[in-house]
Amino acid sequence: MLSKITQHLEPRHFGLLALCVLAFIYMALFRYDAYGIEEGAARALLINWSIIDQVANATPLFGFPDLRAVMFVFLDLHWAGSLPAAKVFTLFMLFGTALMLYRWSESYESPEVATMATALLLISPISIIQTDSISAGVFLLFCFATVFWMNHYYQLAIRTMSASFFLLMLMSAFAVSLHPMGLAAPIALALHWYPKKKTIESNNEDEAEPLQQQMLEKRRNLFIGLGITTALLLFVRWGWSGLEESANHLASLGAILTGSPILQSSPPVGYGLIVASLLGFVIAIYFYRRYFELFSFTLVIACLIGLLQPDSSWALIALTCVLFLGLPMLIAAHRRTGIQNIIGQRGLVILLIIILTSMFTSADKHYRMITQLKLKSDSDNLLASAAHIASNHDAEFIMASQWPARTMLVTKRDVLPLPPQRILQDAETFIEKTASVTHFMFDPNKPENEALSKIGARLTQRMQAVEIQPAGVILQVNSRQNSNNEGNH
């Protein structure tokens, strides 16, 4: 009986079983309160939940959401309002992306590289952090991998306006809406198609010419579609609001090895320097070889664009680049030594896997400790104070927050974004326009909040600080009566 079963088992079945086990491990590491969610993800979730529950709230005032709001529509059928469902959905996105990355690496490198790189990516702490916070990095990787496969199907399609073309445009638009690194998708596609005059090999010259003409039409349609979708998304997003606050470059890269910064007394700059050196070396070798395959080229461009926004999403893309592009380079370096034993052929690879596995599992264990103790980041501690204030349902509560979606998710009360700069220049106008607001929460050290900090300091009789924390302050409005004396003070 057992022998008959084993005859039908293939390696892919064991791989899928390993993914199932890893999924339960991920879910054990997640935190299931309303903290730690990325602002953009919270905005996308809230706008879906408000539509399903037919509740009017201020979510549309937070700005145009990214296209995660479209992806989360699938959750609204049975799991509207469920954060665990959103995290499990993001987990499925990560695992689906890992399978696509495995297939790509297997096709262009070898099953050995694909297995090692995919396994290390899935057990890395930065993958767990990104999935738990429903961050943009997981969805960006999904977009990049999908763009690669849709481009492949588009090249093979008979029609110039096939379904793969529209899916290609949709995934490019999705990537651009998420993060500045999403621009890597249309840029890589354009550079991949533009310089190549694709010649059609055919024994029949009469068939070759129409096929060549079809390829030219595909290229033209691709450029037009990329131009329209990219310009449209850049216009409606008008920047990328709701992104995670960026740390410095080395601290973000150091989190790849050390995990969540909550338990760390200082930023892991030393580890970040090691990862930055590896990333720079891999990108330099990649450009030196001049083999600009679409998916790898997209990863490299995304890493370069991510220098402008060095958050944890950039760290996830950087780790993917180092693993899937760096491991083949390391194996090729072994082969050049000419040593035929296992140490000569795979010594550094084995050592690297042992070191990374040890560091990753240790960081994952620490993340489990953060979840069990319900530790919070500085901004989450400030949000917890806002939730405590909002817990008094007998008192009126309308807060204007620097993090409106996350604040609404935590407090479950009415929240507005901070007032625009144009009404912060005059105290009387500010008091009139914000008459219904009872609390303000913001980081006074941010340059964009300087005007609000100054007007709060001027209206000391009207507003008082009830919370002062490293992440920011909460100001409570004592009186909503207009005071010309205060405005002229």
Protein backbone atom coordinates (compact mmCIF):
# COMPACT_ATOMS: atom_id res chain seq x y z
CA MET A 1 0.00 0.00 0.00
CA LEU A 2 2.71 2.46 1.01
CA SER A 3 4.81 1.57 -2.00
CA LYS A 4 1.89 2.31 -4.32
CA ILE A 5 1.42 5.72 -2.73
CA THR A 6 5.11 6.62 -2.99
CA GLN A 7 5.10 5.71 -6.66
CA HIS A 8 2.70 8.55 -7.35
CA LEU A 9 4.54 11.11 -5.21
CA GLU A 10 6.73 13.62 -7.01
CA PRO A 11 9.15 16.25 -5.64
CA ARG A 12 6.59 19.00 -6.26
CA HIS A 13 4.17 17.27 -3.89
CA PHE A 14 6.73 17.48 -1.08
CA GLY A 15 7.30 21.13 -1.96
CA LEU A 16 3.59 21.89 -1.69
CA LEU A 17 3.46 20.02 1.63
CA ALA A 18 6.35 22.15 2.89
CA LEU A 19 4.44 25.29 1.87
CA CYS A 20 1.40 24.10 3.84
CA VAL A 21 3.55 23.55 6.95
CA LEU A 22 5.21 26.94 6.46
CA ALA A 23 1.79 28.60 6.13
CA PHE A 24 0.82 27.39 9.62
CA ILE A 25 4.16 28.65 10.97
CA TYR A 26 3.52 32.07 9.41
CA MET A 27 0.05 32.24 10.94
CA ALA A 28 1.51 31.37 14.34
CA LEU A 29 3.92 34.30 14.02
CA PHE A 30 1.29 36.87 12.97
CA ARG A 31 -0.20 39.35 15.39
CA TYR A 32 -3.95 39.65 15.13
CA ASP A 33 -4.63 43.06 16.65
CA ALA A 34 -4.97 46.25 14.64
CA TYR A 35 -1.35 47.35 15.09
CA GLY A 36 1.58 47.05 12.73
CA ILE A 37 -0.50 47.51 9.56
CA GLU A 38 0.93 49.70 6.82
CA GLU A 39 -1.00 52.94 6.28
CA GLY A 40 -1.65 52.21 2.59
CA ALA A 41 -2.94 48.73 3.39
CA ALA A 42 -5.20 50.08 6.15
CA ARG A 43 -6.60 52.62 3.71
CA ALA A 44 -7.33 49.94 1.10
CA LEU A 45 -9.03 47.71 3.67
CA LEU A 46 -11.15 50.50 5.15
CA ILE A 47 -12.47 51.73 1.84
CA ASN A 48 -13.58 48.16 1.01
CA TRP A 49 -15.20 47.61 4.39
CA SER A 50 -17.05 50.93 4.27
CA ILE A 51 -18.50 50.06 0.85
CA ILE A 52 -19.57 46.54 1.88
CA ASP A 53 -21.13 47.72 5.15
CA GLN A 54 -22.61 50.79 3.41
CA VAL A 55 -21.14 53.05 6.07
CA ALA A 56 -20.16 56.58 5.13
CA ASN A 57 -16.80 57.56 6.56
CA ALA A 58 -13.91 59.85 5.77
CA THR A 59 -11.75 57.19 4.09
CA PRO A 60 -12.00 58.80 0.60
CA LEU A 61 -10.51 61.97 2.11
CA PHE A 62 -7.29 60.10 2.90
CA GLY A 63 -6.28 60.18 -0.75
CA PHE A 64 -6.56 57.86 -3.75
CA PRO A 65 -5.78 54.33 -2.54
CA ASP A 66 -3.42 51.99 -4.32
CA LEU A 67 -4.80 49.02 -6.22
CA ARG A 68 -4.57 46.75 -3.21
CA ALA A 69 -8.12 48.00 -2.69
CA VAL A 70 -9.06 46.07 -5.84
CA MET A 71 -7.26 42.93 -4.69
CA PHE A 72 -9.01 43.01 -1.31
CA VAL A 73 -12.41 42.94 -3.02
CA PHE A 74 -12.07 39.15 -3.05
CA LEU A 75 -12.16 39.20 0.76
CA ASP A 76 -15.39 41.15 0.93
CA LEU A 77 -17.60 38.20 0.03
CA HIS A 78 -17.28 36.39 3.37
CA TRP A 79 -14.51 38.11 5.40
CA ALA A 80 -15.24 41.83 5.32
CA GLY A 81 -13.82 43.47 8.44
CA SER A 82 -11.42 40.59 9.17
CA LEU A 83 -7.74 41.49 9.52
CA PRO A 84 -6.66 37.82 9.83
CA ALA A 85 -8.31 37.11 6.47
CA ALA A 86 -6.38 39.99 4.88
CA LYS A 87 -3.11 38.65 6.30
CA VAL A 88 -3.81 35.12 5.10
CA PHE A 89 -4.65 36.54 1.67
CA THR A 90 -1.29 38.34 1.64
CA LEU A 91 0.34 35.08 2.69
CA PHE A 92 -1.21 33.33 -0.32
CA MET A 93 0.11 36.12 -2.53
CA LEU A 94 3.62 35.59 -1.14
CA PHE A 95 3.53 31.82 -1.64
CA GLY A 96 2.09 32.14 -5.14
CA THR A 97 4.85 34.60 -5.98
CA ALA A 98 7.45 32.19 -4.54
CA LEU A 99 6.20 29.45 -6.87
CA MET A 100 6.48 31.79 -9.85
CA LEU A 101 9.99 32.82 -8.79
CA TYR A 102 10.92 29.15 -8.48
CA ARG A 103 9.70 28.43 -12.00
CA TRP A 104 11.59 31.43 -13.36
CA SER A 105 14.83 30.52 -11.61
CA GLU A 106 14.48 26.88 -12.63
CA SER A 107 14.08 27.92 -16.26
CA TYR A 108 16.94 30.42 -16.38
CA GLU A 109 19.38 28.96 -13.85
CA SER A 110 18.86 25.52 -12.30
CA PRO A 111 16.54 23.70 -9.86
CA GLU A 112 19.35 23.88 -7.28
CA VAL A 113 19.46 27.67 -7.32
CA ALA A 114 15.65 27.90 -7.46
CA THR A 115 15.24 25.68 -4.38
CA MET A 116 17.85 27.47 -2.26
CA ALA A 117 16.79 31.01 -3.17
CA THR A 118 13.06 30.35 -2.75
CA ALA A 119 13.51 28.58 0.59
CA LEU A 120 15.70 31.36 2.01
CA LEU A 121 13.27 34.01 0.82
CA LEU A 122 10.32 32.30 2.51
CA ILE A 123 12.02 31.84 5.91
CA SER A 124 13.52 35.33 5.97
CA PRO A 125 12.22 37.66 8.71
CA ILE A 126 11.66 40.49 6.25
CA SER A 127 9.12 38.30 4.38
CA ILE A 128 7.25 37.63 7.62
CA ILE A 129 7.29 41.31 8.58
CA GLN A 130 6.02 42.37 5.16
CA THR A 131 3.24 39.78 5.17
CA ASP A 132 2.16 40.56 8.73
CA SER A 133 1.94 44.29 7.99
CA ILE A 134 0.21 43.66 4.59
CA SER A 135 2.92 45.82 3.05
CA ALA A 136 3.52 46.76 -0.55
CA GLY A 137 6.66 44.64 -1.01
CA VAL A 138 4.80 41.32 -1.23
CA PHE A 139 2.40 42.68 -3.84
CA LEU A 140 5.26 44.32 -5.76
CA LEU A 141 7.04 40.97 -6.08
CA PHE A 142 3.77 39.43 -7.24
CA CYS A 143 3.41 42.15 -9.90
CA PHE A 144 6.99 41.74 -11.13
CA ALA A 145 6.67 37.95 -11.45
CA THR A 146 3.25 38.21 -13.13
CA VAL A 147 4.52 40.84 -15.57
CA PHE A 148 7.31 38.46 -16.60
CA TRP A 149 4.94 35.57 -17.32
CA MET A 150 2.29 37.75 -18.97
CA ASN A 151 4.98 39.21 -21.23
CA HIS A 152 5.95 35.67 -22.21
CA TYR A 153 2.34 34.79 -23.07
CA TYR A 154 1.89 38.10 -24.91
CA GLN A 155 4.84 37.31 -27.16
CA LEU A 156 3.32 33.93 -28.02
CA ALA A 157 -0.23 35.23 -28.47
CA ILE A 158 -1.82 35.12 -31.91
CA ARG A 159 -3.76 38.36 -31.49
CA THR A 160 -2.05 41.70 -30.89
CA MET A 161 -4.72 42.67 -28.31
CA SER A 162 -4.94 39.41 -26.41
CA ALA A 163 -6.01 38.86 -22.80
CA SER A 164 -2.34 38.68 -21.79
CA PHE A 165 -1.88 42.26 -23.06
CA PHE A 166 -4.62 43.64 -20.80
CA LEU A 167 -3.34 41.61 -17.83
CA LEU A 168 0.13 42.98 -18.52
CA MET A 169 -1.22 46.55 -18.41
CA LEU A 170 -3.20 45.78 -15.25
CA MET A 171 -0.17 44.37 -13.41
CA SER A 172 1.99 47.32 -14.53
CA ALA A 173 -0.64 49.75 -13.25
CA PHE A 174 -0.92 47.77 -9.99
CA ALA A 175 2.85 47.97 -9.46
CA VAL A 176 3.00 51.71 -10.17
CA SER A 177 0.16 52.41 -7.74
CA LEU A 178 1.92 50.61 -4.88
CA HIS A 179 5.34 52.18 -4.61
CA PRO A 180 7.92 54.20 -6.57
CA MET A 181 9.71 50.88 -7.19
CA GLY A 182 6.66 49.83 -9.18
CA LEU A 183 7.91 52.08 -11.99
CA ALA A 184 10.50 49.37 -12.61
CA ALA A 185 7.83 47.22 -14.29
CA PRO A 186 6.92 49.61 -17.17
CA ILE A 187 10.53 50.80 -17.49
CA ALA A 188 11.89 47.25 -17.79
CA LEU A 189 9.13 46.29 -20.22
CA ALA A 190 9.80 49.30 -22.43
CA LEU A 191 13.55 48.69 -22.46
CA HIS A 192 13.00 44.99 -23.07
CA TRP A 193 10.89 45.62 -26.19
CA TYR A 194 12.35 48.81 -27.62
CA PRO A 195 15.91 47.92 -28.76
CA LYS A 196 15.03 44.48 -30.10
CA LYS A 197 13.84 44.14 -33.64
CA LYS A 198 12.43 40.69 -33.10
CA THR A 199 13.14 38.55 -36.15
CA ILE A 200 10.79 35.69 -36.86
CA GLU A 201 12.46 32.44 -37.88
CA SER A 202 10.37 30.55 -40.42
CA ASN A 203 11.04 28.24 -43.31
CA ASN A 204 8.39 30.02 -45.32
CA GLU A 205 9.23 33.65 -46.18
CA ASP A 206 5.57 34.37 -46.88
CA GLU A 207 4.74 33.48 -43.27
CA ALA A 208 7.69 35.33 -41.75
CA GLU A 209 6.69 38.79 -42.98
CA PRO A 210 3.15 38.79 -41.47
CA LEU A 211 4.54 37.47 -38.20
CA GLN A 212 7.16 40.22 -38.17
CA GLN A 213 4.46 42.80 -38.82
CA GLN A 214 2.41 41.33 -35.98
CA MET A 215 5.35 41.67 -33.60
CA LEU A 216 5.76 45.33 -34.56
CA GLU A 217 2.07 45.93 -33.84
CA LYS A 218 2.44 44.24 -30.47
CA ARG A 219 5.34 46.52 -29.63
CA ARG A 220 3.41 49.61 -30.65
CA ASN A 221 0.37 48.57 -28.60
CA LEU A 222 2.62 47.83 -25.65
CA PHE A 223 4.24 51.27 -25.69
CA ILE A 224 0.88 53.01 -26.02
CA GLY A 225 -0.64 50.94 -23.23
CA LEU A 226 2.32 51.46 -20.89
CA GLY A 227 2.33 55.19 -21.54
CA ILE A 228 -1.39 55.59 -20.84
CA THR A 229 -1.55 53.37 -17.73
CA THR A 230 1.62 54.75 -16.16
CA ALA A 231 0.66 58.38 -16.77
CA LEU A 232 -2.87 57.77 -15.47
CA LEU A 233 -1.69 56.11 -12.26
CA LEU A 234 0.93 58.78 -11.63
CA PHE A 235 -1.75 61.45 -12.08
CA VAL A 236 -4.41 59.93 -9.83
CA ARG A 237 -1.93 58.93 -7.12
CA TRP A 238 -0.07 62.28 -7.35
CA GLY A 239 2.81 60.83 -5.40
CA TRP A 240 2.72 57.78 -3.17
CA SER A 241 0.88 58.62 0.03
CA GLY A 242 0.42 56.02 2.73
CA LEU A 243 3.86 54.45 2.38
CA GLU A 244 5.81 53.17 5.34
CA GLU A 245 8.06 55.78 6.92
CA SER A 246 11.57 55.23 5.62
CA ALA A 247 14.52 54.49 7.85
CA ASN A 248 18.06 55.07 6.65
CA HIS A 249 19.34 52.80 3.93
CA LEU A 250 21.65 50.66 6.07
CA ALA A 251 19.05 50.20 8.83
CA SER A 252 16.49 48.94 6.31
CA LEU A 253 18.95 46.51 4.75
CA GLY A 254 20.17 45.38 8.18
CA ALA A 255 16.60 44.36 9.08
CA ILE A 256 16.91 41.64 6.42
CA LEU A 257 19.22 39.75 8.79
CA THR A 258 18.12 40.96 12.21
CA GLY A 259 14.34 41.17 11.75
CA SER A 260 12.00 43.64 13.45
CA PRO A 261 13.70 46.72 14.94
CA ILE A 262 11.37 46.74 17.96
CA LEU A 263 13.71 44.59 20.09
CA GLN A 264 16.87 46.36 18.89
CA SER A 265 18.43 49.14 20.91
CA SER A 266 20.09 50.70 17.86
CA PRO A 267 19.70 50.38 14.07
CA PRO A 268 21.59 47.39 12.61
CA VAL A 269 23.90 49.55 10.51
CA GLY A 270 26.73 47.01 10.53
CA TYR A 271 24.58 44.23 9.11
CA GLY A 272 23.13 46.72 6.67
CA LEU A 273 26.61 47.52 5.39
CA ILE A 274 27.20 43.81 4.70
CA VAL A 275 23.91 43.47 2.78
CA ALA A 276 24.56 46.73 0.91
CA SER A 277 27.98 45.44 -0.18
CA LEU A 278 26.45 42.18 -1.42
CA LEU A 279 23.68 44.02 -3.25
CA GLY A 280 26.11 46.45 -4.89
CA PHE A 281 28.39 43.60 -5.95
CA VAL A 282 25.49 41.62 -7.47
CA ILE A 283 24.16 44.64 -9.40
CA ALA A 284 27.65 45.53 -10.65
CA ILE A 285 28.26 41.99 -11.93
CA TYR A 286 24.80 41.95 -13.48
CA PHE A 287 25.48 45.09 -15.54
CA TYR A 288 28.95 43.82 -16.42
CA ARG A 289 27.48 40.66 -17.94
CA ARG A 290 24.91 42.68 -19.93
CA TYR A 291 22.36 39.90 -19.93
CA PHE A 292 19.22 41.94 -19.35
CA GLU A 293 16.50 39.32 -18.98
CA LEU A 294 13.13 40.90 -18.12
CA PHE A 295 12.47 39.74 -14.55
CA SER A 296 16.04 40.13 -13.30
CA PHE A 297 16.25 43.53 -15.00
CA THR A 298 13.02 44.57 -13.25
CA LEU A 299 14.48 43.57 -9.87
CA VAL A 300 17.67 45.55 -10.47
CA ILE A 301 15.82 48.68 -11.59
CA ALA A 302 13.49 48.40 -8.58
CA CYS A 303 16.48 48.20 -6.23
CA LEU A 304 17.94 51.34 -7.77
CA ILE A 305 14.65 53.26 -7.59
CA GLY A 306 14.20 52.05 -4.00
CA LEU A 307 17.22 54.11 -2.97
CA LEU A 308 14.80 57.05 -2.96
CA GLN A 309 12.42 55.27 -0.53
CA PRO A 310 14.50 52.89 1.62
CA ASP A 311 11.71 51.17 3.53
CA SER A 312 11.14 47.50 4.34
CA SER A 313 9.54 46.91 0.92
CA TRP A 314 12.84 47.94 -0.63
CA ALA A 315 14.62 45.55 1.73
CA LEU A 316 12.43 42.65 0.52
CA ILE A 317 13.16 43.44 -3.14
CA ALA A 318 16.87 43.76 -2.32
CA LEU A 319 16.90 40.36 -0.62
CA THR A 320 15.16 38.80 -3.63
CA CYS A 321 17.75 40.35 -5.92
CA VAL A 322 20.67 39.09 -3.81
CA LEU A 323 19.29 35.55 -3.54
CA PHE A 324 18.04 34.91 -7.07
CA LEU A 325 20.82 36.79 -8.88
CA GLY A 326 23.68 36.39 -6.40
CA LEU A 327 23.55 32.62 -5.79
CA PRO A 328 24.14 31.74 -9.48
CA MET A 329 27.11 34.12 -9.48
CA LEU A 330 28.53 32.44 -6.38
CA ILE A 331 28.12 28.97 -7.91
CA ALA A 332 29.76 30.16 -11.14
CA ALA A 333 32.71 31.49 -9.11
CA HIS A 334 33.11 28.04 -7.52
CA ARG A 335 33.25 26.38 -10.93
CA ARG A 336 36.10 28.62 -12.04
CA THR A 337 38.31 27.27 -9.26
CA GLY A 338 38.52 23.89 -10.98
CA ILE A 339 38.35 22.03 -7.66
CA GLN A 340 36.15 18.98 -8.07
CA ASN A 341 35.33 18.10 -4.45
CA ILE A 342 32.23 19.35 -2.64
CA ILE A 343 34.16 22.07 -0.77
CA GLY A 344 35.57 23.46 -3.97
CA GLN A 345 32.28 23.32 -5.85
CA ARG A 346 29.79 24.37 -3.15
CA GLY A 347 31.78 25.29 -0.02
CA LEU A 348 30.89 28.99 0.16
CA VAL A 349 27.32 28.29 -0.88
CA ILE A 350 26.84 25.79 1.95
CA LEU A 351 28.47 28.16 4.43
CA LEU A 352 26.25 31.05 3.29
CA ILE A 353 23.10 28.94 3.61
CA ILE A 354 24.05 27.81 7.11
CA ILE A 355 24.73 31.40 8.24
CA LEU A 356 21.58 32.84 6.68
CA THR A 357 19.37 30.03 7.95
CA SER A 358 20.69 30.46 11.49
CA MET A 359 20.19 34.23 11.44
CA PHE A 360 16.76 34.02 9.82
CA THR A 361 15.37 31.43 12.24
CA SER A 362 16.75 33.36 15.22
CA ALA A 363 15.12 36.57 14.00
CA ASP A 364 11.84 34.70 13.38
CA LYS A 365 11.95 33.44 16.97
CA HIS A 366 12.36 37.01 18.20
CA TYR A 367 9.42 38.09 16.06
CA ARG A 368 7.31 35.44 17.77
CA MET A 369 8.34 37.02 21.09
CA ILE A 370 7.18 40.42 19.84
CA THR A 371 3.80 38.94 18.94
CA GLN A 372 3.35 37.12 22.25
CA LEU A 373 4.29 40.18 24.33
CA LYS A 374 2.29 42.49 22.02
CA LEU A 375 5.20 44.88 21.73
CA LYS A 376 4.65 47.93 19.56
CA SER A 377 6.67 50.37 17.52
CA ASP A 378 6.82 54.03 18.53
CA SER A 379 4.02 55.01 16.16
CA ASP A 380 1.88 52.09 17.34
CA ASN A 381 2.37 53.16 20.96
CA LEU A 382 1.04 56.58 20.01
CA LEU A 383 -1.92 54.94 18.27
CA ALA A 384 -2.56 52.88 21.40
CA SER A 385 -2.81 56.12 23.39
CA ALA A 386 -5.32 57.42 20.86
CA ALA A 387 -7.32 54.18 21.23
CA HIS A 388 -7.37 54.64 25.02
CA ILE A 389 -8.72 58.18 24.62
CA ALA A 390 -11.32 56.99 22.11
CA SER A 391 -12.47 54.18 24.41
CA ASN A 392 -14.58 56.68 26.34
CA HIS A 393 -17.69 56.54 24.15
CA ASP A 394 -19.51 59.07 26.32
CA ALA A 395 -17.16 61.83 25.14
CA GLU A 396 -17.21 63.21 21.62
CA PHE A 397 -14.20 62.09 19.58
CA ILE A 398 -13.13 63.22 16.12
CA MET A 399 -9.38 63.07 15.55
CA ALA A 400 -7.27 64.60 12.81
CA SER A 401 -4.30 62.29 12.43
CA GLN A 402 -1.09 62.04 10.48
CA TRP A 403 -1.93 58.33 10.10
CA PRO A 404 -5.71 58.54 9.50
CA ALA A 405 -6.32 54.99 8.21
CA ARG A 406 -4.27 53.28 10.92
CA THR A 407 -5.88 55.51 13.56
CA MET A 408 -9.39 54.64 12.36
CA LEU A 409 -8.47 50.96 12.31
CA VAL A 410 -7.27 51.12 15.94
CA THR A 411 -9.80 53.50 17.48
CA LYS A 412 -12.87 52.44 15.44
CA ARG A 413 -14.00 56.07 15.65
CA ASP A 414 -14.24 58.99 13.22
CA VAL A 415 -10.84 60.14 11.99
CA LEU A 416 -9.84 62.83 9.51
CA PRO A 417 -6.51 63.61 7.84
CA LEU A 418 -4.53 66.58 9.10
CA PRO A 419 -5.75 69.97 7.83
CA PRO A 420 -4.10 71.27 4.64
CA GLN A 421 -1.37 73.87 4.78
CA ARG A 422 -3.56 76.65 3.38
CA ILE A 423 -5.70 76.87 6.52
CA LEU A 424 -2.75 76.72 8.92
CA GLN A 425 -1.49 80.20 8.12
CA ASP A 426 -4.23 82.00 10.05
CA ALA A 427 -5.47 81.07 13.54
CA GLU A 428 -9.05 82.24 12.97
CA THR A 429 -9.36 80.25 9.74
CA PHE A 430 -7.87 77.21 11.44
CA ILE A 431 -10.33 77.39 14.34
CA GLU A 432 -13.28 77.83 11.97
CA LYS A 433 -12.35 74.97 9.63
CA THR A 434 -11.49 72.50 12.40
CA ALA A 435 -14.40 73.32 14.71
CA SER A 436 -15.58 69.71 14.87
CA VAL A 437 -12.16 68.17 15.60
CA THR A 438 -11.51 67.19 19.23
CA HIS A 439 -7.93 65.85 18.91
CA PHE A 440 -4.90 66.24 16.70
CA MET A 441 -2.19 63.57 16.41
CA PHE A 442 1.01 64.17 14.48
CA ASP A 443 4.79 64.12 14.59
CA PRO A 444 5.98 67.70 15.25
CA ASN A 445 9.48 66.86 13.99
CA LYS A 446 8.23 66.32 10.44
CA PRO A 447 8.85 69.38 8.22
CA GLU A 448 5.34 69.14 6.75
CA ASN A 449 3.87 69.47 10.28
CA GLU A 450 5.83 72.58 11.22
CA ALA A 451 2.92 74.96 10.58
CA LEU A 452 0.55 72.83 12.68
CA SER A 453 3.11 72.73 15.51
CA LYS A 454 3.42 76.52 15.47
CA ILE A 455 -0.33 77.13 15.48
CA GLY A 456 -0.72 74.61 18.32
CA ALA A 457 1.89 76.53 20.32
CA ARG A 458 0.02 79.78 19.70
CA LEU A 459 -3.38 78.45 20.79
CA THR A 460 -2.26 77.14 24.18
CA GLN A 461 -5.56 78.03 25.89
CA ARG A 462 -7.53 76.16 23.24
CA MET A 463 -5.33 73.04 22.83
CA GLN A 464 -3.21 71.13 25.29
CA ALA A 465 -0.88 68.18 24.81
CA VAL A 466 -2.29 65.05 26.45
CA GLU A 467 0.36 62.68 25.05
CA ILE A 468 3.99 63.35 24.18
CA GLN A 469 5.86 60.32 22.85
CA PRO A 470 8.87 59.70 20.58
CA ALA A 471 6.59 59.15 17.58
CA GLY A 472 4.57 62.35 18.07
CA VAL A 473 2.02 64.19 20.19
CA ILE A 474 -1.74 64.19 20.77
CA LEU A 475 -3.33 67.60 21.24
CA GLN A 476 -6.76 67.86 22.83
CA VAL A 477 -9.07 70.74 21.99
CA ASN A 478 -10.44 72.26 25.22
CA SER A 479 -12.85 74.71 23.67
CA ARG A 480 -14.26 75.14 20.19
CA GLN A 481 -15.29 78.74 20.69
CA ASN A 482 -13.61 81.13 18.34
CA SER A 483 -11.26 83.43 20.18
CA ASN A 484 -9.98 86.47 18.36
CA ASN A 485 -7.69 87.26 21.27
CA GLU A 486 -5.94 83.91 20.87
CA GLY A 487 -5.73 84.29 17.13
CA ASN A 488 -4.02 87.66 17.48
CA HIS A 489 -1.81 86.61 20.39
